Amino acid sequence: MSPSGTLPIPTGPSLLHNPALNRGSAFSLEDRARLGLEGFLPPVADTLETQVARIHLQLSVLDNDLQKYLLLSDLQARNETLFYAVLMSDPATFMPLVYTPTVGEACQKYDHVLRASRGMYLPITFKGRLKEVLSHWPQKDVRFIVVTDGERILGLGDLGVNGMGIPVGKLALYSVCAGVPPEMTLPITLDVGTNNGTLLDDPLYLGLRQNRVRGAEYDEFIAEFVAAVTELYPLCCLQWEDFANINAVPILERYRDAICTYNDDIQGTAAVAVAGIYGALKLSGEKLTDQTFLFLGGGSAATGIAELISQAMVLEGLSIDEARARNWLFDVNGLMVNSRDDIAGFQKPFAHDHAPINNFVEAIEAIRPTGIVGVSTVPKLFNQAVIEAMSKINARPIIFPYSNPTSRSECTAEEAYKWSNGQAIFASGSPFPPVELDGKRFVPGQGNNVYIFPAMGMAVLATQATRVTEDMFIVAAKAVAEQVRPEDLEVGLIYPPQRDIRKASLHVAARIAELIFDKGLARVPRPDDIEAHINELAYIPRYPDL
């Protein structure tokens, strides 16, 4: 049997085409003789370290990030161990290549650049057979599924099955950042059609050529999928990713108290935003309960962040109504006030009594927020007038343009620092380079969900948690912020440096796991040392013993 306990170990060329077992040029001379590989490889046996250096060299001669993404995707398809060793050798460099922002362009061109299929595609034409088809996946101990229906990929909209790049990239970061074993992960795309006419007219598009299914048929398909997952993989945590608001919110409400599940766009985004706020308060020296936030965008990301901020404020003494009153939404139709007749149910807690306002700067002047959070997916809306208005009423305005990818960011780091005369406390959804202003160097933080979801995954793995709860995200946010050091704050950085993401993620995972055990949500006994238990479970890229 193979190390994963599923299939006999292949030999000869078949072994070289098995990404989980392949060592490429690192097969020893003895293994080559034993496994029928003699003659199929150059005569010198490599080390993993030399192979990593070779990939670094290959990447260095490529002149754009999409090419680098494709090289790494090919590497993942032929040698998983080497792929993860490369990513872990310099996570701050490689995370933007395998995930945001590069994955956005990769998804837009996915059907044009596809080389090797990864994960599972479940079209609605399989309705009634989902358990049967899902059972074809060779690994039987799946602990994490990231699933999308491709309707709201980052800020890019409906990309249909091209959205598969998101689950693939996200699960790679589960392993890179927090050590979740890659063989326990499964990326899935549910294909219910697309309303993107460009894709439907593209002869290279690989998804169903039909408009999106809505209503009861869609709900039944999701219900069948959830039933199949829970039956086949009873210890699995199901992460919903990049679903449109009309489906994301009801799906989460329907299943959050029934199975181990969460929505990263709603809850993970909320947690990383709250972590950024905790970090920002270290700079400003203010209390959370004295803050007021104005969101540009009124979707599930905005309400998810607003609700988690509210819950965190409750823990510091406010009532839930007082806390929600400190969070305001502004969308394409202006400030969300109670007199509007277009407020959805999930937005109502953050629609307040106020005169209508249709101009964002005027809303800032009326509400006087201490922080603005951009989740609009519309670039450049945090313009000079917006930043100057925030700077006029706050000594240290919190400016968080969180929309992804970079092309959708509400402003750049340079704009925020320049227009605020260096006073902004800044973090963005996509990375920006350091900024020099009046002799001072600023290092902008990236409010990337990568600080949250890999750690959540490792905590669930270590505890076999039965549920993912809201208070787990507050604990995660606090655990991220408590790792920000004085020297980070000195340059305006309010998140731990991404070069330390593995250490940070394991720390966050331990804090979440403590809460899981405290709440009685674990299915395993509490270990004497939770951090040691998690470190023991964490995946390290080493070639498997054959």
Protein backbone atom coordinates (compact mmCIF):
# COMPACT_ATOMS: atom_id res chain seq x y z
CA MET A 1 0.00 0.00 0.00
CA SER A 2 1.05 3.60 -0.51
CA PRO A 3 1.82 5.88 2.47
CA SER A 4 -1.72 7.27 2.23
CA GLY A 5 -3.11 3.75 2.45
CA THR A 6 -5.17 3.85 -0.72
CA LEU A 7 -3.42 2.15 -3.64
CA PRO A 8 -0.41 -0.13 -4.25
CA ILE A 9 2.81 1.75 -4.92
CA PRO A 10 3.30 2.11 -8.67
CA THR A 11 6.64 1.43 -10.31
CA GLY A 12 8.49 2.58 -13.41
CA PRO A 13 7.08 5.52 -15.38
CA SER A 14 3.76 5.25 -13.51
CA LEU A 15 5.55 6.24 -10.31
CA LEU A 16 7.02 9.31 -12.03
CA HIS A 17 3.50 10.35 -12.97
CA ASN A 18 2.11 10.04 -9.43
CA PRO A 19 2.43 13.55 -7.90
CA ALA A 20 1.99 12.35 -4.33
CA LEU A 21 4.83 9.80 -4.58
CA ASN A 22 7.09 11.17 -7.30
CA ARG A 23 10.54 12.37 -6.24
CA GLY A 24 11.79 13.14 -9.73
CA SER A 25 15.56 13.48 -9.79
CA ALA A 26 15.70 12.90 -6.02
CA PHE A 27 15.08 9.15 -6.24
CA SER A 28 18.14 7.42 -4.78
CA LEU A 29 20.11 4.99 -6.94
CA GLU A 30 18.90 2.12 -4.74
CA ASP A 31 15.25 3.15 -5.13
CA ARG A 32 15.68 3.47 -8.89
CA ALA A 33 16.86 -0.12 -9.09
CA ARG A 34 14.12 -1.39 -6.77
CA LEU A 35 11.26 0.55 -8.33
CA GLY A 36 12.00 0.06 -12.01
CA LEU A 37 13.22 3.61 -12.60
CA GLU A 38 16.70 2.94 -13.97
CA GLY A 39 17.22 4.74 -17.26
CA PHE A 40 14.25 7.07 -16.80
CA LEU A 41 16.18 9.75 -14.88
CA PRO A 42 19.55 11.53 -15.21
CA PRO A 43 22.22 9.47 -13.41
CA VAL A 44 22.89 11.81 -10.44
CA ALA A 45 20.49 11.62 -7.49
CA ASP A 46 19.40 15.07 -6.29
CA THR A 47 18.46 16.31 -2.84
CA LEU A 48 15.17 18.08 -2.16
CA GLU A 49 17.13 21.24 -1.33
CA THR A 50 18.85 21.20 -4.73
CA GLN A 51 15.51 20.68 -6.44
CA VAL A 52 14.08 23.70 -4.61
CA ALA A 53 17.04 25.81 -5.77
CA ARG A 54 16.44 24.66 -9.35
CA ILE A 55 12.79 25.77 -9.22
CA HIS A 56 13.86 29.13 -7.80
CA LEU A 57 16.18 29.52 -10.79
CA GLN A 58 13.46 28.56 -13.27
CA LEU A 59 11.09 31.10 -11.74
CA SER A 60 13.70 33.85 -11.76
CA VAL A 61 13.94 33.88 -15.57
CA LEU A 62 10.17 34.25 -16.09
CA ASP A 63 9.00 37.80 -16.66
CA ASN A 64 5.39 37.74 -15.46
CA ASP A 65 3.48 36.32 -12.54
CA LEU A 66 1.00 34.27 -14.58
CA GLN A 67 3.89 32.33 -16.11
CA LYS A 68 5.22 31.70 -12.61
CA TYR A 69 1.74 30.58 -11.49
CA LEU A 70 1.61 28.11 -14.38
CA LEU A 71 5.08 26.75 -13.63
CA LEU A 72 4.09 26.17 -10.01
CA SER A 73 0.78 24.58 -11.08
CA ASP A 74 2.66 22.18 -13.33
CA LEU A 75 5.01 21.39 -10.45
CA GLN A 76 2.06 20.63 -8.16
CA ALA A 77 0.68 18.28 -10.80
CA ARG A 78 3.88 16.24 -11.02
CA ASN A 79 5.65 16.49 -7.64
CA GLU A 80 3.58 17.66 -4.67
CA THR A 81 6.37 17.39 -2.12
CA LEU A 82 8.66 19.62 -4.14
CA PHE A 83 5.79 22.06 -4.77
CA TYR A 84 5.18 22.52 -1.05
CA ALA A 85 8.89 22.66 -0.26
CA VAL A 86 9.27 25.51 -2.75
CA LEU A 87 6.32 27.45 -1.34
CA MET A 88 7.47 26.97 2.25
CA SER A 89 11.00 28.09 1.36
CA ASP A 90 9.74 31.68 0.97
CA PRO A 91 6.02 31.98 1.70
CA ALA A 92 5.92 35.79 1.44
CA THR A 93 7.16 35.55 -2.15
CA PHE A 94 5.12 32.57 -3.27
CA MET A 95 1.72 33.16 -1.65
CA PRO A 96 0.89 36.04 -4.03
CA LEU A 97 1.80 33.73 -6.94
CA VAL A 98 -0.41 30.79 -5.99
CA TYR A 99 -3.21 32.93 -4.57
CA THR A 100 -4.16 36.64 -4.61
CA PRO A 101 -3.49 38.59 -6.69
CA THR A 102 -2.15 36.26 -9.42
CA VAL A 103 -4.91 33.68 -9.02
CA GLY A 104 -7.40 36.30 -10.23
CA GLU A 105 -5.79 36.52 -13.65
CA ALA A 106 -5.34 32.74 -13.67
CA CYS A 107 -9.07 32.23 -13.10
CA GLN A 108 -9.98 34.69 -15.85
CA LYS A 109 -7.87 32.63 -18.27
CA TYR A 110 -8.33 29.21 -16.64
CA ASP A 111 -9.91 27.44 -19.62
CA HIS A 112 -7.23 28.87 -21.91
CA VAL A 113 -4.22 27.87 -19.82
CA LEU A 114 -5.45 24.60 -18.24
CA ARG A 115 -2.81 21.90 -18.30
CA ALA A 116 -3.68 19.37 -15.61
CA SER A 117 -7.05 18.98 -13.94
CA ARG A 118 -7.07 19.09 -10.14
CA GLY A 119 -9.84 18.42 -7.66
CA MET A 120 -13.38 17.47 -8.66
CA TYR A 121 -15.95 19.13 -10.92
CA LEU A 122 -19.55 18.36 -10.05
CA PRO A 123 -21.98 19.73 -12.67
CA ILE A 124 -25.69 19.97 -11.95
CA THR A 125 -26.16 17.33 -14.65
CA PHE A 126 -24.88 14.88 -11.99
CA LYS A 127 -27.84 15.74 -9.73
CA GLY A 128 -29.07 12.51 -8.17
CA ARG A 129 -25.62 10.90 -8.50
CA LEU A 130 -23.39 13.21 -6.44
CA LYS A 131 -22.48 10.65 -3.78
CA GLU A 132 -21.56 8.09 -6.41
CA VAL A 133 -19.36 10.53 -8.34
CA LEU A 134 -17.79 12.03 -5.23
CA SER A 135 -16.86 8.53 -4.05
CA HIS A 136 -14.52 8.25 -7.05
CA TRP A 137 -12.04 10.51 -5.24
CA PRO A 138 -9.18 8.13 -4.27
CA GLN A 139 -8.52 9.54 -0.78
CA LYS A 140 -11.11 8.36 1.72
CA ASP A 141 -10.08 10.49 4.70
CA VAL A 142 -10.91 13.95 3.39
CA ARG A 143 -10.91 16.54 6.18
CA PHE A 144 -11.21 19.80 4.21
CA ILE A 145 -13.20 20.70 1.14
CA VAL A 146 -13.12 24.18 -0.35
CA VAL A 147 -16.05 24.48 -2.74
CA THR A 148 -17.17 27.23 -5.11
CA ASP A 149 -19.87 27.64 -7.71
CA GLY A 150 -17.76 30.28 -9.43
CA GLU A 151 -20.33 33.08 -9.35
CA ARG A 152 -18.38 35.73 -7.46
CA ILE A 153 -14.69 35.04 -7.93
CA LEU A 154 -12.76 37.64 -5.91
CA GLY A 155 -13.96 40.97 -7.30
CA LEU A 156 -14.06 39.61 -10.84
CA GLY A 157 -17.61 38.27 -10.92
CA ASP A 158 -19.05 35.16 -12.56
CA LEU A 159 -16.26 32.98 -13.96
CA GLY A 160 -18.13 29.66 -13.94
CA VAL A 161 -15.86 26.60 -13.73
CA ASN A 162 -12.83 28.87 -14.23
CA GLY A 163 -13.23 29.66 -10.54
CA MET A 164 -11.58 26.31 -9.72
CA GLY A 165 -8.31 28.19 -9.29
CA ILE A 166 -9.64 29.56 -5.99
CA PRO A 167 -10.28 26.24 -4.15
CA VAL A 168 -7.01 24.83 -5.51
CA GLY A 169 -5.01 27.85 -4.34
CA LYS A 170 -6.78 28.14 -1.02
CA LEU A 171 -6.14 24.52 -0.07
CA ALA A 172 -2.47 24.83 -1.02
CA LEU A 173 -2.25 27.59 1.59
CA TYR A 174 -3.93 25.35 4.18
CA SER A 175 -0.81 23.17 3.86
CA VAL A 176 1.83 25.87 3.36
CA CYS A 177 0.72 28.16 6.18
CA ALA A 178 -0.65 25.82 8.82
CA GLY A 179 0.57 22.36 7.90
CA VAL A 180 -2.73 20.71 7.00
CA PRO A 181 -1.66 17.50 5.17
CA PRO A 182 -2.42 18.03 1.45
CA GLU A 183 -3.79 14.52 1.00
CA MET A 184 -6.62 15.44 3.38
CA THR A 185 -7.81 18.30 1.17
CA LEU A 186 -10.17 18.33 -1.82
CA PRO A 187 -10.98 21.32 -4.07
CA ILE A 188 -14.44 21.18 -5.67
CA THR A 189 -16.29 23.29 -8.21
CA LEU A 190 -20.06 22.99 -8.51
CA ASP A 191 -21.05 23.84 -12.08
CA VAL A 192 -24.60 25.17 -12.23
CA GLY A 193 -23.96 27.18 -15.40
CA THR A 194 -22.80 30.75 -15.87
CA ASN A 195 -24.41 34.06 -16.75
CA ASN A 196 -21.14 35.30 -18.24
CA GLY A 197 -21.93 35.68 -21.94
CA THR A 198 -18.26 35.95 -22.89
CA LEU A 199 -17.60 32.50 -21.43
CA LEU A 200 -20.70 30.98 -23.01
CA ASP A 201 -19.51 32.22 -26.40
CA ASP A 202 -15.91 31.06 -25.90
CA PRO A 203 -15.24 27.77 -27.74
CA LEU A 204 -12.52 26.96 -25.18
CA TYR A 205 -14.80 27.31 -22.15
CA LEU A 206 -14.99 24.00 -20.28
CA GLY A 207 -18.15 24.49 -18.20
CA LEU A 208 -21.83 23.84 -18.86
CA ARG A 209 -23.11 26.11 -21.64
CA GLN A 210 -26.24 27.27 -19.90
CA ASN A 211 -27.39 30.10 -17.67
CA ARG A 212 -27.17 29.60 -13.93
CA VAL A 213 -29.73 27.42 -12.24
CA ARG A 214 -31.63 29.24 -9.50
CA GLY A 215 -34.29 28.52 -6.91
CA ALA A 216 -35.45 25.12 -5.68
CA GLU A 217 -33.36 23.11 -8.13
CA TYR A 218 -30.19 24.90 -6.97
CA ASP A 219 -31.07 24.42 -3.29
CA GLU A 220 -31.74 20.72 -3.85
CA PHE A 221 -28.37 20.35 -5.60
CA ILE A 222 -26.57 22.01 -2.66
CA ALA A 223 -28.48 19.83 -0.17
CA GLU A 224 -27.53 16.67 -2.06
CA PHE A 225 -23.91 17.80 -2.17
CA VAL A 226 -23.81 18.46 1.59
CA ALA A 227 -25.44 15.09 2.30
CA ALA A 228 -22.90 13.31 0.10
CA VAL A 229 -19.95 15.04 1.76
CA THR A 230 -21.12 14.36 5.31
CA GLU A 231 -21.82 10.71 4.53
CA LEU A 232 -18.57 10.00 2.68
CA TYR A 233 -16.32 12.18 4.87
CA PRO A 234 -17.85 12.44 8.37
CA LEU A 235 -14.86 14.35 9.80
CA CYS A 236 -14.77 16.85 6.94
CA CYS A 237 -14.99 20.63 7.32
CA LEU A 238 -16.74 22.27 4.36
CA GLN A 239 -15.56 25.78 3.39
CA TRP A 240 -17.81 27.76 1.05
CA GLU A 241 -15.92 30.09 -1.25
CA ASP A 242 -16.90 32.85 -3.69
CA PHE A 243 -20.64 32.24 -3.83
CA ALA A 244 -22.81 35.25 -4.70
CA ASN A 245 -24.56 36.90 -1.75
CA ILE A 246 -27.97 35.56 -2.81
CA ASN A 247 -26.65 32.04 -2.15
CA ALA A 248 -23.74 32.55 0.26
CA VAL A 249 -25.81 33.97 3.12
CA PRO A 250 -28.68 31.42 3.08
CA ILE A 251 -26.30 28.47 2.61
CA LEU A 252 -24.30 29.50 5.66
CA GLU A 253 -27.47 30.05 7.72
CA ARG A 254 -28.85 26.69 6.65
CA TYR A 255 -25.82 24.58 7.51
CA ARG A 256 -23.69 26.43 10.09
CA ASP A 257 -25.43 24.74 13.07
CA ALA A 258 -25.86 21.38 11.35
CA ILE A 259 -22.35 20.46 10.15
CA CYS A 260 -18.72 21.59 10.49
CA THR A 261 -18.72 24.43 7.96
CA TYR A 262 -17.97 28.11 7.39
CA ASN A 263 -17.85 30.71 4.65
CA ASP A 264 -14.44 32.30 4.33
CA ASP A 265 -15.70 35.33 2.38
CA ILE A 266 -18.07 36.17 5.22
CA GLN A 267 -16.39 34.85 8.36
CA GLY A 268 -12.72 34.65 7.39
CA THR A 269 -12.80 38.13 5.88
CA ALA A 270 -14.51 39.37 9.02
CA ALA A 271 -11.88 37.82 11.26
CA VAL A 272 -8.92 39.22 9.37
CA ALA A 273 -10.56 42.65 9.35
CA VAL A 274 -11.11 42.49 13.11
CA ALA A 275 -7.50 41.35 13.52
CA GLY A 276 -6.45 44.45 11.57
CA ILE A 277 -8.62 46.61 13.81
CA TYR A 278 -7.03 45.14 16.92
CA GLY A 279 -3.63 45.86 15.35
CA ALA A 280 -4.69 49.39 14.41
CA LEU A 281 -5.78 50.09 17.98
CA LYS A 282 -2.27 49.20 19.11
CA LEU A 283 -1.10 52.11 16.98
CA SER A 284 -3.81 54.60 17.89
CA GLY A 285 -4.05 53.64 21.56
CA GLU A 286 -7.85 53.76 21.42
CA LYS A 287 -10.55 51.35 22.63
CA LEU A 288 -12.57 49.12 20.32
CA THR A 289 -15.83 50.30 21.86
CA ASP A 290 -15.02 53.90 20.89
CA GLN A 291 -14.74 53.07 17.18
CA THR A 292 -17.28 53.66 14.42
CA PHE A 293 -16.95 52.01 11.02
CA LEU A 294 -18.38 52.91 7.64
CA PHE A 295 -18.35 50.18 4.99
CA LEU A 296 -18.20 50.92 1.29
CA GLY A 297 -20.19 47.94 0.00
CA GLY A 298 -23.20 46.27 1.53
CA GLY A 299 -22.76 42.62 0.64
CA SER A 300 -22.05 39.56 2.74
CA ALA A 301 -18.42 40.53 3.31
CA ALA A 302 -19.47 43.92 4.73
CA THR A 303 -22.18 42.51 6.98
CA GLY A 304 -19.92 39.66 8.07
CA ILE A 305 -17.20 42.08 9.17
CA ALA A 306 -19.73 44.43 10.79
CA GLU A 307 -21.31 41.59 12.75
CA LEU A 308 -17.99 40.20 14.00
CA ILE A 309 -16.89 43.71 15.05
CA SER A 310 -20.20 44.01 16.89
CA GLN A 311 -19.72 40.68 18.65
CA ALA A 312 -16.18 41.72 19.65
CA MET A 313 -17.56 45.00 21.03
CA VAL A 314 -20.10 43.03 23.06
CA LEU A 315 -17.23 41.14 24.69
CA GLU A 316 -15.86 44.55 25.75
CA GLY A 317 -19.06 45.78 27.36
CA LEU A 318 -21.51 47.09 24.73
CA SER A 319 -24.94 45.63 24.12
CA ILE A 320 -25.40 44.08 20.69
CA ASP A 321 -27.67 46.94 19.62
CA GLU A 322 -25.13 49.54 20.77
CA ALA A 323 -22.39 47.70 18.91
CA ARG A 324 -24.32 47.36 15.66
CA ALA A 325 -25.19 51.06 15.82
CA ARG A 326 -21.46 51.75 15.44
CA ASN A 327 -21.33 49.97 12.06
CA TRP A 328 -22.79 51.59 8.94
CA LEU A 329 -23.12 50.41 5.33
CA PHE A 330 -22.94 52.49 2.15
CA ASP A 331 -23.73 50.85 -1.20
CA VAL A 332 -24.52 51.91 -4.76
CA ASN A 333 -27.78 53.47 -3.53
CA GLY A 334 -26.14 55.41 -0.72
CA LEU A 335 -26.14 55.13 3.06
CA MET A 336 -28.23 52.20 4.28
CA VAL A 337 -30.94 53.83 6.34
CA ASN A 338 -34.23 52.43 7.61
CA SER A 339 -36.31 54.52 5.24
CA ARG A 340 -34.92 52.63 2.21
CA ASP A 341 -37.10 49.88 0.76
CA ASP A 342 -34.28 47.81 -0.76
CA ILE A 343 -32.63 46.49 2.42
CA ALA A 344 -32.11 42.71 2.48
CA GLY A 345 -32.67 40.74 5.65
CA PHE A 346 -28.98 40.19 6.36
CA GLN A 347 -28.36 43.96 6.02
CA LYS A 348 -31.11 45.12 8.39
CA PRO A 349 -29.05 45.04 11.62
CA PHE A 350 -26.81 47.72 10.08
CA ALA A 351 -29.49 49.97 8.57
CA HIS A 352 -30.05 52.84 11.01
CA ASP A 353 -32.28 55.87 11.40
CA HIS A 354 -30.71 58.73 9.47
CA ALA A 355 -31.46 61.05 6.59
CA PRO A 356 -30.54 59.55 3.21
CA ILE A 357 -27.02 60.37 1.94
CA ASN A 358 -25.86 59.49 -1.57
CA ASN A 359 -22.31 60.88 -1.42
CA PHE A 360 -19.63 58.88 0.41
CA VAL A 361 -17.67 61.94 1.54
CA GLU A 362 -20.87 63.46 2.92
CA ALA A 363 -21.56 60.19 4.73
CA ILE A 364 -18.10 60.39 6.33
CA GLU A 365 -18.76 63.95 7.46
CA ALA A 366 -22.15 62.96 8.93
CA ILE A 367 -21.28 59.61 10.55
CA ARG A 368 -17.71 60.63 11.54
CA PRO A 369 -16.29 57.10 11.39
CA THR A 370 -12.90 56.27 12.84
CA GLY A 371 -12.42 53.69 10.08
CA ILE A 372 -13.61 52.98 6.54
CA VAL A 373 -13.61 49.48 5.07
CA GLY A 374 -13.80 48.94 1.31
CA VAL A 375 -15.52 45.74 0.17
CA SER A 376 -17.11 47.20 -2.97
CA THR A 377 -14.88 45.49 -5.60
CA VAL A 378 -14.87 48.88 -7.39
CA PRO A 379 -11.40 50.45 -7.70
CA LYS A 380 -10.42 53.99 -6.74
CA LEU A 381 -13.53 54.84 -4.70
CA PHE A 382 -11.34 55.83 -1.74
CA ASN A 383 -10.23 58.94 -3.63
CA GLN A 384 -8.36 61.96 -2.35
CA ALA A 385 -11.53 63.65 -1.05
CA VAL A 386 -12.43 60.50 0.93
CA ILE A 387 -8.99 60.12 2.52
CA GLU A 388 -8.78 63.84 3.32
CA ALA A 389 -12.26 63.77 4.89
CA MET A 390 -11.20 60.87 7.13
CA SER A 391 -7.96 62.64 8.05
CA LYS A 392 -9.81 65.82 9.00
CA ILE A 393 -11.85 64.08 11.71
CA ASN A 394 -9.28 61.49 12.89
CA ALA A 395 -5.67 61.85 14.00
CA ARG A 396 -5.07 58.24 12.84
CA PRO A 397 -7.78 57.28 10.34
CA ILE A 398 -8.19 53.56 9.69
CA ILE A 399 -8.23 52.99 5.92
CA PHE A 400 -8.91 49.39 4.84
CA PRO A 401 -9.46 48.91 1.07
CA TYR A 402 -10.07 45.17 1.20
CA SER A 403 -11.38 44.41 -2.30
CA ASN A 404 -9.42 41.84 -4.31
CA PRO A 405 -7.52 41.50 -6.58
CA THR A 406 -5.21 44.55 -6.72
CA SER A 407 -7.04 45.93 -9.76
CA ARG A 408 -10.20 46.21 -7.62
CA SER A 409 -8.67 47.87 -4.56
CA GLU A 410 -10.47 51.03 -3.43
CA CYS A 411 -7.11 52.81 -3.18
CA THR A 412 -3.40 52.06 -3.12
CA ALA A 413 -1.14 52.23 -0.09
CA GLU A 414 0.74 55.16 -1.60
CA GLU A 415 -2.50 57.11 -2.11
CA ALA A 416 -3.69 56.49 1.45
CA TYR A 417 -0.38 57.55 3.03
CA LYS A 418 0.12 60.54 0.70
CA TRP A 419 -3.39 61.98 1.01
CA SER A 420 -3.40 61.52 4.82
CA ASN A 421 0.09 63.02 5.24
CA GLY A 422 1.31 59.71 6.62
CA GLN A 423 -1.37 59.47 9.31
CA ALA A 424 -3.43 56.62 7.85
CA ILE A 425 -3.43 53.23 9.50
CA PHE A 426 -3.58 51.17 6.33
CA ALA A 427 -4.24 47.59 5.33
CA SER A 428 -5.47 46.21 2.01
CA GLY A 429 -6.83 42.97 0.60
CA SER A 430 -4.04 42.60 -1.96
CA PRO A 431 -0.35 43.33 -1.40
CA PHE A 432 1.24 46.73 -1.99
CA PRO A 433 4.97 47.53 -1.83
CA PRO A 434 6.49 49.69 0.93
CA VAL A 435 6.01 53.45 0.62
CA GLU A 436 8.55 56.22 1.26
CA LEU A 437 6.99 59.53 2.32
CA ASP A 438 8.82 62.55 3.75
CA GLY A 439 11.76 60.41 4.81
CA LYS A 440 9.62 57.80 6.58
CA ARG A 441 9.14 54.23 5.40
CA PHE A 442 5.72 52.60 5.63
CA VAL A 443 5.10 48.86 5.21
CA PRO A 444 1.44 48.34 4.31
CA GLY A 445 -0.25 45.34 5.84
CA GLN A 446 -2.27 42.89 3.79
CA GLY A 447 -5.57 41.97 5.41
CA ASN A 448 -5.40 38.59 3.77
CA ASN A 449 -7.66 35.77 4.95
CA VAL A 450 -4.54 33.61 4.85
CA TYR A 451 -3.99 34.67 8.48
CA ILE A 452 -7.28 32.95 9.38
CA PHE A 453 -8.45 30.04 7.24
CA PRO A 454 -5.32 27.82 7.34
CA ALA A 455 -5.19 28.19 11.12
CA MET A 456 -8.90 27.42 11.37
CA GLY A 457 -8.26 24.30 9.30
CA MET A 458 -5.42 23.11 11.53
CA ALA A 459 -7.48 23.76 14.67
CA VAL A 460 -10.36 21.71 13.26
CA LEU A 461 -7.95 18.94 12.25
CA ALA A 462 -6.28 18.85 15.66
CA THR A 463 -9.59 18.71 17.54
CA GLN A 464 -11.88 17.04 14.99
CA ALA A 465 -14.31 19.84 15.79
CA THR A 466 -18.00 19.27 15.20
CA ARG A 467 -18.74 22.94 14.43
CA VAL A 468 -17.09 26.23 13.46
CA THR A 469 -18.54 29.05 15.58
CA GLU A 470 -18.39 32.86 15.52
CA ASP A 471 -16.39 33.10 18.73
CA MET A 472 -13.68 30.97 17.11
CA PHE A 473 -13.16 33.80 14.60
CA ILE A 474 -12.89 36.42 17.33
CA VAL A 475 -10.28 34.30 19.10
CA ALA A 476 -8.45 33.93 15.78
CA ALA A 477 -8.48 37.69 15.21
CA LYS A 478 -7.05 38.38 18.66
CA ALA A 479 -4.40 35.69 18.18
CA VAL A 480 -3.28 37.29 14.91
CA ALA A 481 -3.07 40.76 16.43
CA GLU A 482 -1.18 39.67 19.53
CA GLN A 483 1.73 38.63 17.29
CA VAL A 484 2.27 42.15 15.91
CA ARG A 485 5.52 43.43 17.40
CA PRO A 486 6.56 46.99 18.30
CA GLU A 487 9.01 47.04 15.39
CA ASP A 488 6.15 46.13 13.03
CA LEU A 489 3.99 48.95 14.39
CA GLU A 490 6.90 51.36 13.96
CA VAL A 491 6.56 51.06 10.16
CA GLY A 492 2.76 50.94 10.22
CA LEU A 493 2.46 47.16 9.84
CA ILE A 494 -0.60 45.88 11.73
CA TYR A 495 -0.38 42.20 10.74
CA PRO A 496 2.44 39.74 11.42
CA PRO A 497 5.00 39.72 8.57
CA GLN A 498 4.03 37.13 5.96
CA ARG A 499 7.50 35.62 6.09
CA ASP A 500 6.45 34.35 9.54
CA ILE A 501 3.08 33.02 8.37
CA ARG A 502 3.74 29.41 9.42
CA LYS A 503 4.63 30.41 12.99
CA ALA A 504 1.71 32.82 13.11
CA SER A 505 -0.79 30.27 11.79
CA LEU A 506 0.22 27.56 14.24
CA HIS A 507 -0.11 30.06 17.10
CA VAL A 508 -3.60 31.05 15.92
CA ALA A 509 -4.55 27.40 15.46
CA ALA A 510 -3.55 26.63 19.06
CA ARG A 511 -5.69 29.50 20.37
CA ILE A 512 -8.71 28.34 18.35
CA ALA A 513 -8.17 24.74 19.46
CA GLU A 514 -8.16 25.82 23.11
CA LEU A 515 -11.61 27.34 22.60
CA ILE A 516 -12.86 24.24 20.78
CA PHE A 517 -11.85 22.07 23.72
CA ASP A 518 -13.27 24.59 26.22
CA LYS A 519 -16.62 24.62 24.40
CA GLY A 520 -16.86 20.82 24.25
CA LEU A 521 -16.85 20.81 20.43
CA ALA A 522 -13.88 18.43 20.04
CA ARG A 523 -14.16 14.76 19.12
CA VAL A 524 -10.74 13.87 20.55
CA PRO A 525 -9.43 14.05 24.13
CA ARG A 526 -7.74 17.32 25.13
CA PRO A 527 -3.95 16.88 24.96
CA ASP A 528 -1.73 18.09 27.78
CA ASP A 529 0.07 20.46 25.42
CA ILE A 530 -2.15 21.74 22.59
CA GLU A 531 0.64 23.61 20.79
CA ALA A 532 2.87 20.52 20.80
CA HIS A 533 -0.04 18.40 19.55
CA ILE A 534 -0.62 20.80 16.64
CA ASN A 535 3.07 21.00 15.76
CA GLU A 536 3.24 17.22 15.70
CA LEU A 537 0.35 17.05 13.21
CA ALA A 538 1.66 19.80 10.93
CA TYR A 539 2.74 18.68 7.47
CA ILE A 540 6.38 19.14 6.51
CA PRO A 541 7.33 18.44 2.89
CA ARG A 542 9.48 15.31 2.96
CA TYR A 543 9.55 12.60 0.38
CA PRO A 544 7.45 9.62 1.53
CA ASP A 545 9.11 6.38 2.47
CA LEU A 546 8.44 3.90 -0.32
